[in-house]
């Protein structure tokens, strides 16, 4: 007979993982309190620890000078075409 696994919400998983990170209770106590396996608590804890690091990574904008230069060239080209068409239409 196949096991039916319970799906836990992300909120629930975060709550359990944060409790594990706090360390006030053992993994065994958390397993009993939340009715989940020890391996699952450890996995969720690891996910939160690894994922939380990305929250504090630098989000400085990259040097977009190449893109800016390209857009300036496009604007120049469009402006030249517009000016040309204006002169042709005035004839």
Protein backbone atom coordinates (compact mmCIF):
# COMPACT_ATOMS: atom_id res chain seq x y z
CA UNK A 1 0.00 0.00 0.00
CA UNK A 2 1.38 3.41 -0.98
CA UNK A 3 2.01 6.03 1.65
CA UNK A 4 -0.01 9.20 1.41
CA UNK A 5 2.17 12.18 2.16
CA UNK A 6 0.67 15.24 3.78
CA UNK A 7 1.32 18.52 1.99
CA UNK A 8 2.26 21.31 4.32
CA UNK A 9 1.79 24.99 3.53
CA UNK A 10 4.82 27.18 3.08
CA UNK A 11 3.75 29.14 6.17
CA UNK A 12 3.73 25.96 8.25
CA UNK A 13 7.12 24.84 6.91
CA UNK A 14 8.61 28.25 7.70
CA UNK A 15 7.19 28.16 11.22
CA UNK A 16 8.69 24.74 11.90
CA UNK A 17 12.04 25.71 10.35
CA UNK A 18 12.26 28.90 12.41
CA UNK A 19 11.53 26.95 15.58
CA UNK A 20 14.34 24.56 14.66
CA UNK A 21 16.70 27.45 13.98
CA UNK A 22 15.87 29.05 17.34
CA UNK A 23 17.11 25.88 19.02
CA UNK A 24 14.90 26.20 22.09
CA UNK A 25 13.51 22.72 21.43
CA UNK A 26 15.16 19.62 20.07
CA UNK A 27 14.33 18.26 16.64
CA UNK A 28 12.56 15.36 18.34
CA UNK A 29 10.37 17.73 20.33
CA UNK A 30 9.51 19.68 17.19
CA UNK A 31 8.66 16.45 15.37
CA UNK A 32 6.27 15.46 18.09
CA UNK A 33 4.74 18.94 18.39
CA UNK A 34 4.18 19.43 14.67
CA UNK A 35 3.74 15.76 13.63
CA UNK A 36 6.50 15.73 11.03
CA UNK A 37 9.56 13.59 10.46
CA UNK A 38 12.97 14.65 11.78
CA UNK A 39 14.45 14.53 8.29
CA UNK A 40 11.73 16.89 7.10
CA UNK A 41 12.41 19.39 9.90
CA UNK A 42 16.11 19.29 9.12
CA UNK A 43 15.47 19.77 5.40
CA UNK A 44 13.20 22.76 6.00
CA UNK A 45 15.71 24.27 8.41
CA UNK A 46 18.47 23.90 5.83
CA UNK A 47 16.29 25.47 3.11
CA UNK A 48 15.55 28.50 5.26
CA UNK A 49 19.19 28.94 6.26
CA UNK A 50 20.35 28.76 2.64
CA UNK A 51 17.51 30.89 1.29
CA UNK A 52 17.81 33.58 3.94
CA UNK A 53 21.33 34.37 2.81
CA UNK A 54 20.02 35.64 -0.52
CA UNK A 55 17.92 38.27 1.29
CA UNK A 56 21.05 40.15 2.23
CA UNK A 57 23.00 39.82 -1.00
CA UNK A 58 23.82 43.03 -2.78
CA UNK A 59 21.20 44.15 -5.24
CA UNK A 60 23.19 47.01 -6.73
CA UNK A 61 22.36 47.66 -10.35
CA UNK A 62 24.91 46.34 -12.79
CA UNK A 63 26.73 48.60 -15.16
CA UNK A 64 24.21 49.19 -17.92
CA UNK A 65 26.40 51.52 -19.97
CA UNK A 66 26.39 49.24 -23.02
CA UNK A 67 22.60 49.11 -23.03
CA UNK A 68 22.37 52.88 -22.56
CA UNK A 69 24.74 53.45 -25.49
CA UNK A 70 22.69 51.09 -27.66
CA UNK A 71 19.48 52.93 -26.78
CA UNK A 72 21.10 56.28 -27.55
CA UNK A 73 22.07 54.96 -31.00
CA UNK A 74 18.49 53.79 -31.59
CA UNK A 75 17.12 57.17 -30.51
CA UNK A 76 19.56 58.91 -32.84
CA UNK A 77 18.55 56.69 -35.73
CA UNK A 78 14.84 57.23 -35.11
CA UNK A 79 15.36 61.00 -34.81
CA UNK A 80 17.26 61.08 -38.12
CA UNK A 81 14.50 59.06 -39.83
CA UNK A 82 11.82 61.37 -38.44
CA UNK A 83 13.67 64.47 -39.60
CA UNK A 84 14.13 62.95 -43.06
CA UNK A 85 10.44 62.07 -43.33
CA UNK A 86 9.43 65.55 -42.19
CA UNK A 87 11.53 67.11 -44.97
CA UNK A 88 10.15 64.71 -47.60
CA UNK A 89 6.53 65.38 -46.56
CA UNK A 90 7.03 69.18 -46.72
CA UNK A 91 7.95 69.01 -50.45
